[in-house]
mmCIF file of all heavy atoms, coordinates in Angstrom:
data_MODEL
# 
_entry.id   MODEL 
# 
loop_
_atom_site.group_PDB 
_atom_site.id 
_atom_site.type_symbol 
_atom_site.label_atom_id 
_atom_site.label_alt_id 
_atom_site.label_comp_id 
_atom_site.label_asym_id 
_atom_site.label_entity_id 
_atom_site.label_seq_id 
_atom_site.pdbx_PDB_ins_code 
_atom_site.Cartn_x 
_atom_site.Cartn_y 
_atom_site.Cartn_z 
_atom_site.occupancy 
_atom_site.B_iso_or_equiv 
_atom_site.pdbx_formal_charge 
_atom_site.auth_seq_id 
_atom_site.auth_comp_id 
_atom_site.auth_asym_id 
_atom_site.auth_atom_id 
_atom_site.pdbx_PDB_model_num 
ATOM 1   N N   . LEU A 1 1  ? 237.994 -140.037 173.698 1.00 0.00 ? 1  LEU A N   1 
ATOM 2   C CA  . LEU A 1 1  ? 238.808 -139.029 174.376 1.00 0.00 ? 1  LEU A CA  1 
ATOM 3   C C   . LEU A 1 1  ? 240.298 -139.336 174.211 1.00 0.00 ? 1  LEU A C   1 
ATOM 4   O O   . LEU A 1 1  ? 241.111 -138.446 173.952 1.00 0.00 ? 1  LEU A O   1 
ATOM 5   C CB  . LEU A 1 1  ? 238.440 -138.972 175.862 1.00 0.00 ? 1  LEU A CB  1 
ATOM 6   C CG  . LEU A 1 1  ? 239.244 -137.979 176.722 1.00 0.00 ? 1  LEU A CG  1 
ATOM 7   C CD1 . LEU A 1 1  ? 239.097 -136.564 176.202 1.00 0.00 ? 1  LEU A CD1 1 
ATOM 8   C CD2 . LEU A 1 1  ? 238.823 -138.076 178.180 1.00 0.00 ? 1  LEU A CD2 1 
ATOM 9   N N   . GLU A 1 2  ? 240.625 -140.627 174.346 1.00 0.00 ? 2  GLU A N   1 
ATOM 10  C CA  . GLU A 1 2  ? 242.015 -141.022 174.202 1.00 0.00 ? 2  GLU A CA  1 
ATOM 11  C C   . GLU A 1 2  ? 242.514 -140.751 172.791 1.00 0.00 ? 2  GLU A C   1 
ATOM 12  O O   . GLU A 1 2  ? 243.637 -140.280 172.589 1.00 0.00 ? 2  GLU A O   1 
ATOM 13  C CB  . GLU A 1 2  ? 242.153 -142.520 174.533 1.00 0.00 ? 2  GLU A CB  1 
ATOM 14  C CG  . GLU A 1 2  ? 243.600 -142.963 174.666 1.00 0.00 ? 2  GLU A CG  1 
ATOM 15  C CD  . GLU A 1 2  ? 243.707 -144.391 175.168 1.00 0.00 ? 2  GLU A CD  1 
ATOM 16  O OE1 . GLU A 1 2  ? 242.737 -144.890 175.772 1.00 0.00 ? 2  GLU A OE1 1 
ATOM 17  O OE2 . GLU A 1 2  ? 244.767 -145.001 174.943 1.00 0.00 ? 2  GLU A OE2 1 
ATOM 18  N N   . GLN A 1 3  ? 241.655 -141.042 171.793 1.00 0.00 ? 3  GLN A N   1 
ATOM 19  C CA  . GLN A 1 3  ? 242.024 -140.766 170.404 1.00 0.00 ? 3  GLN A CA  1 
ATOM 20  C C   . GLN A 1 3  ? 242.241 -139.271 170.184 1.00 0.00 ? 3  GLN A C   1 
ATOM 21  O O   . GLN A 1 3  ? 243.165 -138.840 169.480 1.00 0.00 ? 3  GLN A O   1 
ATOM 22  C CB  . GLN A 1 3  ? 240.920 -141.260 169.445 1.00 0.00 ? 3  GLN A CB  1 
ATOM 23  C CG  . GLN A 1 3  ? 240.949 -142.750 169.219 1.00 0.00 ? 3  GLN A CG  1 
ATOM 24  C CD  . GLN A 1 3  ? 239.848 -143.166 168.230 1.00 0.00 ? 3  GLN A CD  1 
ATOM 25  O OE1 . GLN A 1 3  ? 238.824 -142.478 168.116 1.00 0.00 ? 3  GLN A OE1 1 
ATOM 26  N NE2 . GLN A 1 3  ? 240.061 -144.269 167.562 1.00 0.00 ? 3  GLN A NE2 1 
ATOM 27  N N   . PHE A 1 4  ? 241.373 -138.478 170.805 1.00 0.00 ? 4  PHE A N   1 
ATOM 28  C CA  . PHE A 1 4  ? 241.452 -137.025 170.659 1.00 0.00 ? 4  PHE A CA  1 
ATOM 29  C C   . PHE A 1 4  ? 242.783 -136.511 171.227 1.00 0.00 ? 4  PHE A C   1 
ATOM 30  O O   . PHE A 1 4  ? 243.487 -135.720 170.611 1.00 0.00 ? 4  PHE A O   1 
ATOM 31  C CB  . PHE A 1 4  ? 240.263 -136.396 171.405 1.00 0.00 ? 4  PHE A CB  1 
ATOM 32  C CG  . PHE A 1 4  ? 240.143 -134.906 171.210 1.00 0.00 ? 4  PHE A CG  1 
ATOM 33  C CD1 . PHE A 1 4  ? 239.634 -134.371 170.030 1.00 0.00 ? 4  PHE A CD1 1 
ATOM 34  C CD2 . PHE A 1 4  ? 240.537 -134.030 172.209 1.00 0.00 ? 4  PHE A CD2 1 
ATOM 35  C CE1 . PHE A 1 4  ? 239.523 -133.009 169.853 1.00 0.00 ? 4  PHE A CE1 1 
ATOM 36  C CE2 . PHE A 1 4  ? 240.431 -132.667 172.040 1.00 0.00 ? 4  PHE A CE2 1 
ATOM 37  C CZ  . PHE A 1 4  ? 239.919 -132.152 170.853 1.00 0.00 ? 4  PHE A CZ  1 
ATOM 38  N N   . LEU A 1 5  ? 243.165 -137.017 172.415 1.00 0.00 ? 5  LEU A N   1 
ATOM 39  C CA  . LEU A 1 5  ? 244.411 -136.590 173.036 1.00 0.00 ? 5  LEU A CA  1 
ATOM 40  C C   . LEU A 1 5  ? 245.621 -137.088 172.247 1.00 0.00 ? 5  LEU A C   1 
ATOM 41  O O   . LEU A 1 5  ? 246.619 -136.387 172.123 1.00 0.00 ? 5  LEU A O   1 
ATOM 42  C CB  . LEU A 1 5  ? 244.467 -137.119 174.480 1.00 0.00 ? 5  LEU A CB  1 
ATOM 43  C CG  . LEU A 1 5  ? 243.419 -136.523 175.441 1.00 0.00 ? 5  LEU A CG  1 
ATOM 44  C CD1 . LEU A 1 5  ? 243.474 -137.219 176.786 1.00 0.00 ? 5  LEU A CD1 1 
ATOM 45  C CD2 . LEU A 1 5  ? 243.628 -135.024 175.602 1.00 0.00 ? 5  LEU A CD2 1 
ATOM 46  N N   . GLU A 1 6  ? 245.507 -138.319 171.738 1.00 0.00 ? 6  GLU A N   1 
ATOM 47  C CA  . GLU A 1 6  ? 246.601 -138.870 170.936 1.00 0.00 ? 6  GLU A CA  1 
ATOM 48  C C   . GLU A 1 6  ? 246.830 -138.043 169.665 1.00 0.00 ? 6  GLU A C   1 
ATOM 49  O O   . GLU A 1 6  ? 247.966 -137.837 169.231 1.00 0.00 ? 6  GLU A O   1 
ATOM 50  C CB  . GLU A 1 6  ? 246.318 -140.326 170.569 1.00 0.00 ? 6  GLU A CB  1 
ATOM 51  C CG  . GLU A 1 6  ? 246.547 -141.303 171.706 1.00 0.00 ? 6  GLU A CG  1 
ATOM 52  C CD  . GLU A 1 6  ? 246.226 -142.729 171.298 1.00 0.00 ? 6  GLU A CD  1 
ATOM 53  O OE1 . GLU A 1 6  ? 245.830 -142.945 170.121 1.00 0.00 ? 6  GLU A OE1 1 
ATOM 54  O OE2 . GLU A 1 6  ? 246.357 -143.624 172.152 1.00 0.00 ? 6  GLU A OE2 1 
ATOM 55  N N   . GLN A 1 7  ? 245.724 -137.573 169.088 1.00 0.00 ? 7  GLN A N   1 
ATOM 56  C CA  . GLN A 1 7  ? 245.844 -136.771 167.869 1.00 0.00 ? 7  GLN A CA  1 
ATOM 57  C C   . GLN A 1 7  ? 246.552 -135.442 168.151 1.00 0.00 ? 7  GLN A C   1 
ATOM 58  O O   . GLN A 1 7  ? 247.383 -134.979 167.373 1.00 0.00 ? 7  GLN A O   1 
ATOM 59  C CB  . GLN A 1 7  ? 244.456 -136.515 167.278 1.00 0.00 ? 7  GLN A CB  1 
ATOM 60  C CG  . GLN A 1 7  ? 244.499 -135.913 165.887 1.00 0.00 ? 7  GLN A CG  1 
ATOM 61  C CD  . GLN A 1 7  ? 243.119 -135.874 165.246 1.00 0.00 ? 7  GLN A CD  1 
ATOM 62  O OE1 . GLN A 1 7  ? 242.125 -136.308 165.832 1.00 0.00 ? 7  GLN A OE1 1 
ATOM 63  N NE2 . GLN A 1 7  ? 243.043 -135.338 164.040 1.00 0.00 ? 7  GLN A NE2 1 
ATOM 64  N N   . GLU A 1 8  ? 246.213 -134.826 169.296 1.00 0.00 ? 8  GLU A N   1 
ATOM 65  C CA  . GLU A 1 8  ? 246.891 -133.591 169.692 1.00 0.00 ? 8  GLU A CA  1 
ATOM 66  C C   . GLU A 1 8  ? 248.384 -133.836 169.898 1.00 0.00 ? 8  GLU A C   1 
ATOM 67  O O   . GLU A 1 8  ? 249.234 -133.083 169.454 1.00 0.00 ? 8  GLU A O   1 
ATOM 68  C CB  . GLU A 1 8  ? 246.279 -133.025 170.980 1.00 0.00 ? 8  GLU A CB  1 
ATOM 69  C CG  . GLU A 1 8  ? 244.955 -132.313 170.786 1.00 0.00 ? 8  GLU A CG  1 
ATOM 70  C CD  . GLU A 1 8  ? 244.565 -131.516 172.028 1.00 0.00 ? 8  GLU A CD  1 
ATOM 71  O OE1 . GLU A 1 8  ? 245.153 -131.764 173.099 1.00 0.00 ? 8  GLU A OE1 1 
ATOM 72  O OE2 . GLU A 1 8  ? 243.682 -130.660 171.920 1.00 0.00 ? 8  GLU A OE2 1 
ATOM 73  N N   . GLU A 1 9  ? 248.674 -134.959 170.595 1.00 0.00 ? 9  GLU A N   1 
ATOM 74  C CA  . GLU A 1 9  ? 250.068 -135.309 170.874 1.00 0.00 ? 9  GLU A CA  1 
ATOM 75  C C   . GLU A 1 9  ? 250.828 -135.551 169.575 1.00 0.00 ? 9  GLU A C   1 
ATOM 76  O O   . GLU A 1 9  ? 251.983 -135.168 169.437 1.00 0.00 ? 9  GLU A O   1 
ATOM 77  C CB  . GLU A 1 9  ? 250.091 -136.547 171.775 1.00 0.00 ? 9  GLU A CB  1 
ATOM 78  C CG  . GLU A 1 9  ? 251.457 -136.860 172.333 1.00 0.00 ? 9  GLU A CG  1 
ATOM 79  C CD  . GLU A 1 9  ? 251.394 -138.036 173.313 1.00 0.00 ? 9  GLU A CD  1 
ATOM 80  O OE1 . GLU A 1 9  ? 250.443 -138.108 174.106 1.00 0.00 ? 9  GLU A OE1 1 
ATOM 81  O OE2 . GLU A 1 9  ? 252.315 -138.870 173.251 1.00 0.00 ? 9  GLU A OE2 1 
ATOM 82  N N   . GLN A 1 10 ? 250.154 -136.205 168.638 1.00 0.00 ? 10 GLN A N   1 
ATOM 83  C CA  . GLN A 1 10 ? 250.788 -136.500 167.350 1.00 0.00 ? 10 GLN A CA  1 
ATOM 84  C C   . GLN A 1 10 ? 251.085 -135.209 166.586 1.00 0.00 ? 10 GLN A C   1 
ATOM 85  O O   . GLN A 1 10 ? 252.126 -135.079 165.936 1.00 0.00 ? 10 GLN A O   1 
ATOM 86  C CB  . GLN A 1 10 ? 249.873 -137.418 166.525 1.00 0.00 ? 10 GLN A CB  1 
ATOM 87  C CG  . GLN A 1 10 ? 250.536 -137.918 165.247 1.00 0.00 ? 10 GLN A CG  1 
ATOM 88  C CD  . GLN A 1 10 ? 249.636 -138.884 164.480 1.00 0.00 ? 10 GLN A CD  1 
ATOM 89  O OE1 . GLN A 1 10 ? 248.581 -139.289 164.970 1.00 0.00 ? 10 GLN A OE1 1 
ATOM 90  N NE2 . GLN A 1 10 ? 250.054 -139.241 163.287 1.00 0.00 ? 10 GLN A NE2 1 
ATOM 91  N N   . GLN A 1 11 ? 250.155 -134.268 166.679 1.00 0.00 ? 11 GLN A N   1 
ATOM 92  C CA  . GLN A 1 11 ? 250.369 -132.976 166.025 1.00 0.00 ? 11 GLN A CA  1 
ATOM 93  C C   . GLN A 1 11 ? 251.638 -132.299 166.536 1.00 0.00 ? 11 GLN A C   1 
ATOM 94  O O   . GLN A 1 11 ? 252.468 -131.798 165.777 1.00 0.00 ? 11 GLN A O   1 
ATOM 95  C CB  . GLN A 1 11 ? 249.173 -132.048 166.299 1.00 0.00 ? 11 GLN A CB  1 
ATOM 96  C CG  . GLN A 1 11 ? 248.232 -131.892 165.118 1.00 0.00 ? 11 GLN A CG  1 
ATOM 97  C CD  . GLN A 1 11 ? 247.161 -130.848 165.433 1.00 0.00 ? 11 GLN A CD  1 
ATOM 98  O OE1 . GLN A 1 11 ? 246.451 -130.953 166.429 1.00 0.00 ? 11 GLN A OE1 1 
ATOM 99  N NE2 . GLN A 1 11 ? 247.054 -129.852 164.601 1.00 0.00 ? 11 GLN A NE2 1 
ATOM 100 N N   . LEU A 1 12 ? 251.784 -132.295 167.857 1.00 0.00 ? 12 LEU A N   1 
ATOM 101 C CA  . LEU A 1 12 ? 252.945 -131.668 168.469 1.00 0.00 ? 12 LEU A CA  1 
ATOM 102 C C   . LEU A 1 12 ? 254.229 -132.400 168.100 1.00 0.00 ? 12 LEU A C   1 
ATOM 103 O O   . LEU A 1 12 ? 255.262 -131.788 167.841 1.00 0.00 ? 12 LEU A O   1 
ATOM 104 C CB  . LEU A 1 12 ? 252.774 -131.634 169.998 1.00 0.00 ? 12 LEU A CB  1 
ATOM 105 C CG  . LEU A 1 12 ? 251.636 -130.743 170.525 1.00 0.00 ? 12 LEU A CG  1 
ATOM 106 C CD1 . LEU A 1 12 ? 251.372 -131.012 171.992 1.00 0.00 ? 12 LEU A CD1 1 
ATOM 107 C CD2 . LEU A 1 12 ? 251.973 -129.263 170.313 1.00 0.00 ? 12 LEU A CD2 1 
ATOM 108 N N   . GLN A 1 13 ? 254.137 -133.736 168.075 1.00 0.00 ? 13 GLN A N   1 
ATOM 109 C CA  . GLN A 1 13 ? 255.307 -134.536 167.715 1.00 0.00 ? 13 GLN A CA  1 
ATOM 110 C C   . GLN A 1 13 ? 255.749 -134.261 166.279 1.00 0.00 ? 13 GLN A C   1 
ATOM 111 O O   . GLN A 1 13 ? 256.945 -134.164 165.985 1.00 0.00 ? 13 GLN A O   1 
ATOM 112 C CB  . GLN A 1 13 ? 255.003 -136.033 167.899 1.00 0.00 ? 13 GLN A CB  1 
ATOM 113 C CG  . GLN A 1 13 ? 256.242 -136.915 167.784 1.00 0.00 ? 13 GLN A CG  1 
ATOM 114 C CD  . GLN A 1 13 ? 255.945 -138.350 168.172 1.00 0.00 ? 13 GLN A CD  1 
ATOM 115 O OE1 . GLN A 1 13 ? 254.789 -138.731 168.385 1.00 0.00 ? 13 GLN A OE1 1 
ATOM 116 N NE2 . GLN A 1 13 ? 256.996 -139.168 168.266 1.00 0.00 ? 13 GLN A NE2 1 
ATOM 117 N N   . GLU A 1 14 ? 254.767 -134.083 165.394 1.00 0.00 ? 14 GLU A N   1 
ATOM 118 C CA  . GLU A 1 14 ? 255.088 -133.786 163.997 1.00 0.00 ? 14 GLU A CA  1 
ATOM 119 C C   . GLU A 1 14 ? 255.792 -132.431 163.869 1.00 0.00 ? 14 GLU A C   1 
ATOM 120 O O   . GLU A 1 14 ? 256.727 -132.262 163.081 1.00 0.00 ? 14 GLU A O   1 
ATOM 121 C CB  . GLU A 1 14 ? 253.800 -133.802 163.156 1.00 0.00 ? 14 GLU A CB  1 
ATOM 122 C CG  . GLU A 1 14 ? 253.255 -135.196 162.897 1.00 0.00 ? 14 GLU A CG  1 
ATOM 123 C CD  . GLU A 1 14 ? 251.932 -135.168 162.165 1.00 0.00 ? 14 GLU A CD  1 
ATOM 124 O OE1 . GLU A 1 14 ? 251.430 -134.044 161.883 1.00 0.00 ? 14 GLU A OE1 1 
ATOM 125 O OE2 . GLU A 1 14 ? 251.367 -136.246 161.896 1.00 0.00 ? 14 GLU A OE2 1 
ATOM 126 N N   . MET A 1 15 ? 255.331 -131.449 164.665 1.00 0.00 ? 15 MET A N   1 
ATOM 127 C CA  . MET A 1 15 ? 255.991 -130.137 164.647 1.00 0.00 ? 15 MET A CA  1 
ATOM 128 C C   . MET A 1 15 ? 257.460 -130.257 165.034 1.00 0.00 ? 15 MET A C   1 
ATOM 129 O O   . MET A 1 15 ? 258.341 -129.690 164.382 1.00 0.00 ? 15 MET A O   1 
ATOM 130 C CB  . MET A 1 15 ? 255.291 -129.171 165.629 1.00 0.00 ? 15 MET A CB  1 
ATOM 131 C CG  . MET A 1 15 ? 253.923 -128.706 165.216 1.00 0.00 ? 15 MET A CG  1 
ATOM 132 S SD  . MET A 1 15 ? 253.270 -127.536 166.446 1.00 0.00 ? 15 MET A SD  1 
ATOM 133 C CE  . MET A 1 15 ? 251.597 -127.321 165.842 1.00 0.00 ? 15 MET A CE  1 
ATOM 134 N N   . VAL A 1 16 ? 257.713 -131.011 166.110 1.00 0.00 ? 16 VAL A N   1 
ATOM 135 C CA  . VAL A 1 16 ? 259.089 -131.178 166.580 1.00 0.00 ? 16 VAL A CA  1 
ATOM 136 C C   . VAL A 1 16 ? 259.915 -131.940 165.554 1.00 0.00 ? 16 VAL A C   1 
ATOM 137 O O   . VAL A 1 16 ? 261.089 -131.601 165.310 1.00 0.00 ? 16 VAL A O   1 
ATOM 138 C CB  . VAL A 1 16 ? 259.108 -131.892 167.951 1.00 0.00 ? 16 VAL A CB  1 
ATOM 139 C CG1 . VAL A 1 16 ? 260.542 -132.194 168.378 1.00 0.00 ? 16 VAL A CG1 1 
ATOM 140 C CG2 . VAL A 1 16 ? 258.404 -131.035 169.008 1.00 0.00 ? 16 VAL A CG2 1 
ATOM 141 N N   . GLU A 1 17 ? 259.326 -132.959 164.925 1.00 0.00 ? 17 GLU A N   1 
ATOM 142 C CA  . GLU A 1 17 ? 260.043 -133.732 163.905 1.00 0.00 ? 17 GLU A CA  1 
ATOM 143 C C   . GLU A 1 17 ? 260.417 -132.842 162.721 1.00 0.00 ? 17 GLU A C   1 
ATOM 144 O O   . GLU A 1 17 ? 261.504 -132.981 162.135 1.00 0.00 ? 17 GLU A O   1 
ATOM 145 C CB  . GLU A 1 17 ? 259.196 -134.912 163.442 1.00 0.00 ? 17 GLU A CB  1 
ATOM 146 C CG  . GLU A 1 17 ? 259.130 -136.049 164.464 1.00 0.00 ? 17 GLU A CG  1 
ATOM 147 C CD  . GLU A 1 17 ? 258.191 -137.169 164.037 1.00 0.00 ? 17 GLU A CD  1 
ATOM 148 O OE1 . GLU A 1 17 ? 257.517 -136.991 162.980 1.00 0.00 ? 17 GLU A OE1 1 
ATOM 149 O OE2 . GLU A 1 17 ? 258.109 -138.189 164.743 1.00 0.00 ? 17 GLU A OE2 1 
ATOM 150 N N   . GLU A 1 18 ? 259.522 -131.917 162.361 1.00 0.00 ? 18 GLU A N   1 
ATOM 151 C CA  . GLU A 1 18 ? 259.822 -131.003 161.250 1.00 0.00 ? 18 GLU A CA  1 
ATOM 152 C C   . GLU A 1 18 ? 261.000 -130.090 161.589 1.00 0.00 ? 18 GLU A C   1 
ATOM 153 O O   . GLU A 1 18 ? 261.837 -129.792 160.734 1.00 0.00 ? 18 GLU A O   1 
ATOM 154 C CB  . GLU A 1 18 ? 258.570 -130.155 160.931 1.00 0.00 ? 18 GLU A CB  1 
ATOM 155 C CG  . GLU A 1 18 ? 257.484 -130.966 160.235 1.00 0.00 ? 18 GLU A CG  1 
ATOM 156 C CD  . GLU A 1 18 ? 256.127 -130.268 160.226 1.00 0.00 ? 18 GLU A CD  1 
ATOM 157 O OE1 . GLU A 1 18 ? 255.961 -129.263 160.962 1.00 0.00 ? 18 GLU A OE1 1 
ATOM 158 O OE2 . GLU A 1 18 ? 255.237 -130.727 159.498 1.00 0.00 ? 18 GLU A OE2 1 
ATOM 159 N N   . ILE A 1 19 ? 261.091 -129.677 162.859 1.00 0.00 ? 19 ILE A N   1 
ATOM 160 C CA  . ILE A 1 19 ? 262.226 -128.856 163.290 1.00 0.00 ? 19 ILE A CA  1 
ATOM 161 C C   . ILE A 1 19 ? 263.510 -129.683 163.257 1.00 0.00 ? 19 ILE A C   1 
ATOM 162 O O   . ILE A 1 19 ? 264.551 -129.236 162.770 1.00 0.00 ? 19 ILE A O   1 
ATOM 163 C CB  . ILE A 1 19 ? 261.973 -128.304 164.710 1.00 0.00 ? 19 ILE A CB  1 
ATOM 164 C CG1 . ILE A 1 19 ? 260.801 -127.317 164.688 1.00 0.00 ? 19 ILE A CG1 1 
ATOM 165 C CG2 . ILE A 1 19 ? 263.222 -127.628 165.265 1.00 0.00 ? 19 ILE A CG2 1 
ATOM 166 C CD1 . ILE A 1 19 ? 260.342 -126.873 166.066 1.00 0.00 ? 19 ILE A CD1 1 
ATOM 167 N N   . ALA A 1 20 ? 263.416 -130.909 163.781 1.00 0.00 ? 20 ALA A N   1 
ATOM 168 C CA  . ALA A 1 20 ? 264.589 -131.795 163.818 1.00 0.00 ? 20 ALA A CA  1 
ATOM 169 C C   . ALA A 1 20 ? 265.039 -132.175 162.407 1.00 0.00 ? 20 ALA A C   1 
ATOM 170 O O   . ALA A 1 20 ? 266.238 -132.208 162.108 1.00 0.00 ? 20 ALA A O   1 
ATOM 171 C CB  . ALA A 1 20 ? 264.280 -133.034 164.640 1.00 0.00 ? 20 ALA A CB  1 
ATOM 172 N N   . ASP A 1 21 ? 264.069 -132.468 161.526 1.00 0.00 ? 21 ASP A N   1 
ATOM 173 C CA  . ASP A 1 21 ? 264.412 -132.863 160.154 1.00 0.00 ? 21 ASP A CA  1 
ATOM 174 C C   . ASP A 1 21 ? 265.119 -131.732 159.401 1.00 0.00 ? 21 ASP A C   1 
ATOM 175 O O   . ASP A 1 21 ? 265.947 -131.978 158.525 1.00 0.00 ? 21 ASP A O   1 
ATOM 176 C CB  . ASP A 1 21 ? 263.146 -133.272 159.389 1.00 0.00 ? 21 ASP A CB  1 
ATOM 177 C CG  . ASP A 1 21 ? 262.587 -134.599 159.911 1.00 0.00 ? 21 ASP A CG  1 
ATOM 178 O OD1 . ASP A 1 21 ? 263.330 -135.320 160.613 1.00 0.00 ? 21 ASP A OD1 1 
ATOM 179 O OD2 . ASP A 1 21 ? 261.400 -134.901 159.624 1.00 0.00 ? 21 ASP A OD2 1 
ATOM 180 N N   . ALA A 1 22 ? 264.764 -130.486 159.743 1.00 0.00 ? 22 ALA A N   1 
ATOM 181 C CA  . ALA A 1 22 ? 265.418 -129.352 159.086 1.00 0.00 ? 22 ALA A CA  1 
ATOM 182 C C   . ALA A 1 22 ? 266.867 -129.207 159.550 1.00 0.00 ? 22 ALA A C   1 
ATOM 183 O O   . ALA A 1 22 ? 267.667 -128.533 158.900 1.00 0.00 ? 22 ALA A O   1 
ATOM 184 C CB  . ALA A 1 22 ? 264.654 -128.068 159.364 1.00 0.00 ? 22 ALA A CB  1 
ATOM 185 N N   . GLY A 1 23 ? 267.184 -129.834 160.695 1.00 0.00 ? 23 GLY A N   1 
ATOM 186 C CA  . GLY A 1 23 ? 268.547 -129.802 161.209 1.00 0.00 ? 23 GLY A CA  1 
ATOM 187 C C   . GLY A 1 23 ? 268.801 -128.750 162.263 1.00 0.00 ? 23 GLY A C   1 
ATOM 188 O O   . GLY A 1 23 ? 269.952 -128.409 162.536 1.00 0.00 ? 23 GLY A O   1 
ATOM 189 N N   . ALA A 1 24 ? 267.747 -128.231 162.884 1.00 0.00 ? 24 ALA A N   1 
ATOM 190 C CA  . ALA A 1 24 ? 267.909 -127.171 163.887 1.00 0.00 ? 24 ALA A CA  1 
ATOM 191 C C   . ALA A 1 24 ? 268.402 -127.735 165.204 1.00 0.00 ? 24 ALA A C   1 
ATOM 192 O O   . ALA A 1 24 ? 267.944 -128.780 165.668 1.00 0.00 ? 24 ALA A O   1 
ATOM 193 C CB  . ALA A 1 24 ? 266.581 -126.433 164.088 1.00 0.00 ? 24 ALA A CB  1 
ATOM 194 N N   . ASP A 1 25 ? 269.368 -127.048 165.810 1.00 0.00 ? 25 ASP A N   1 
ATOM 195 C CA  . ASP A 1 25 ? 269.850 -127.380 167.158 1.00 0.00 ? 25 ASP A CA  1 
ATOM 196 C C   . ASP A 1 25 ? 269.217 -126.483 168.213 1.00 0.00 ? 25 ASP A C   1 
ATOM 197 O O   . ASP A 1 25 ? 269.153 -126.846 169.391 1.00 0.00 ? 25 ASP A O   1 
ATOM 198 C CB  . ASP A 1 25 ? 271.372 -127.225 167.228 1.00 0.00 ? 25 ASP A CB  1 
ATOM 199 C CG  . ASP A 1 25 ? 272.085 -128.090 166.212 1.00 0.00 ? 25 ASP A CG  1 
ATOM 200 O OD1 . ASP A 1 25 ? 271.824 -129.305 166.190 1.00 0.00 ? 25 ASP A OD1 1 
ATOM 201 O OD2 . ASP A 1 25 ? 272.888 -127.545 165.425 1.00 0.00 ? 25 ASP A OD2 1 
# 
């Protein structure tokens, strides 16, 4: 269960990193 939740969290973090890497404010 913890792995499952961590994977979801990681997915969301990757989305935000992609926005930040593009340079969006």
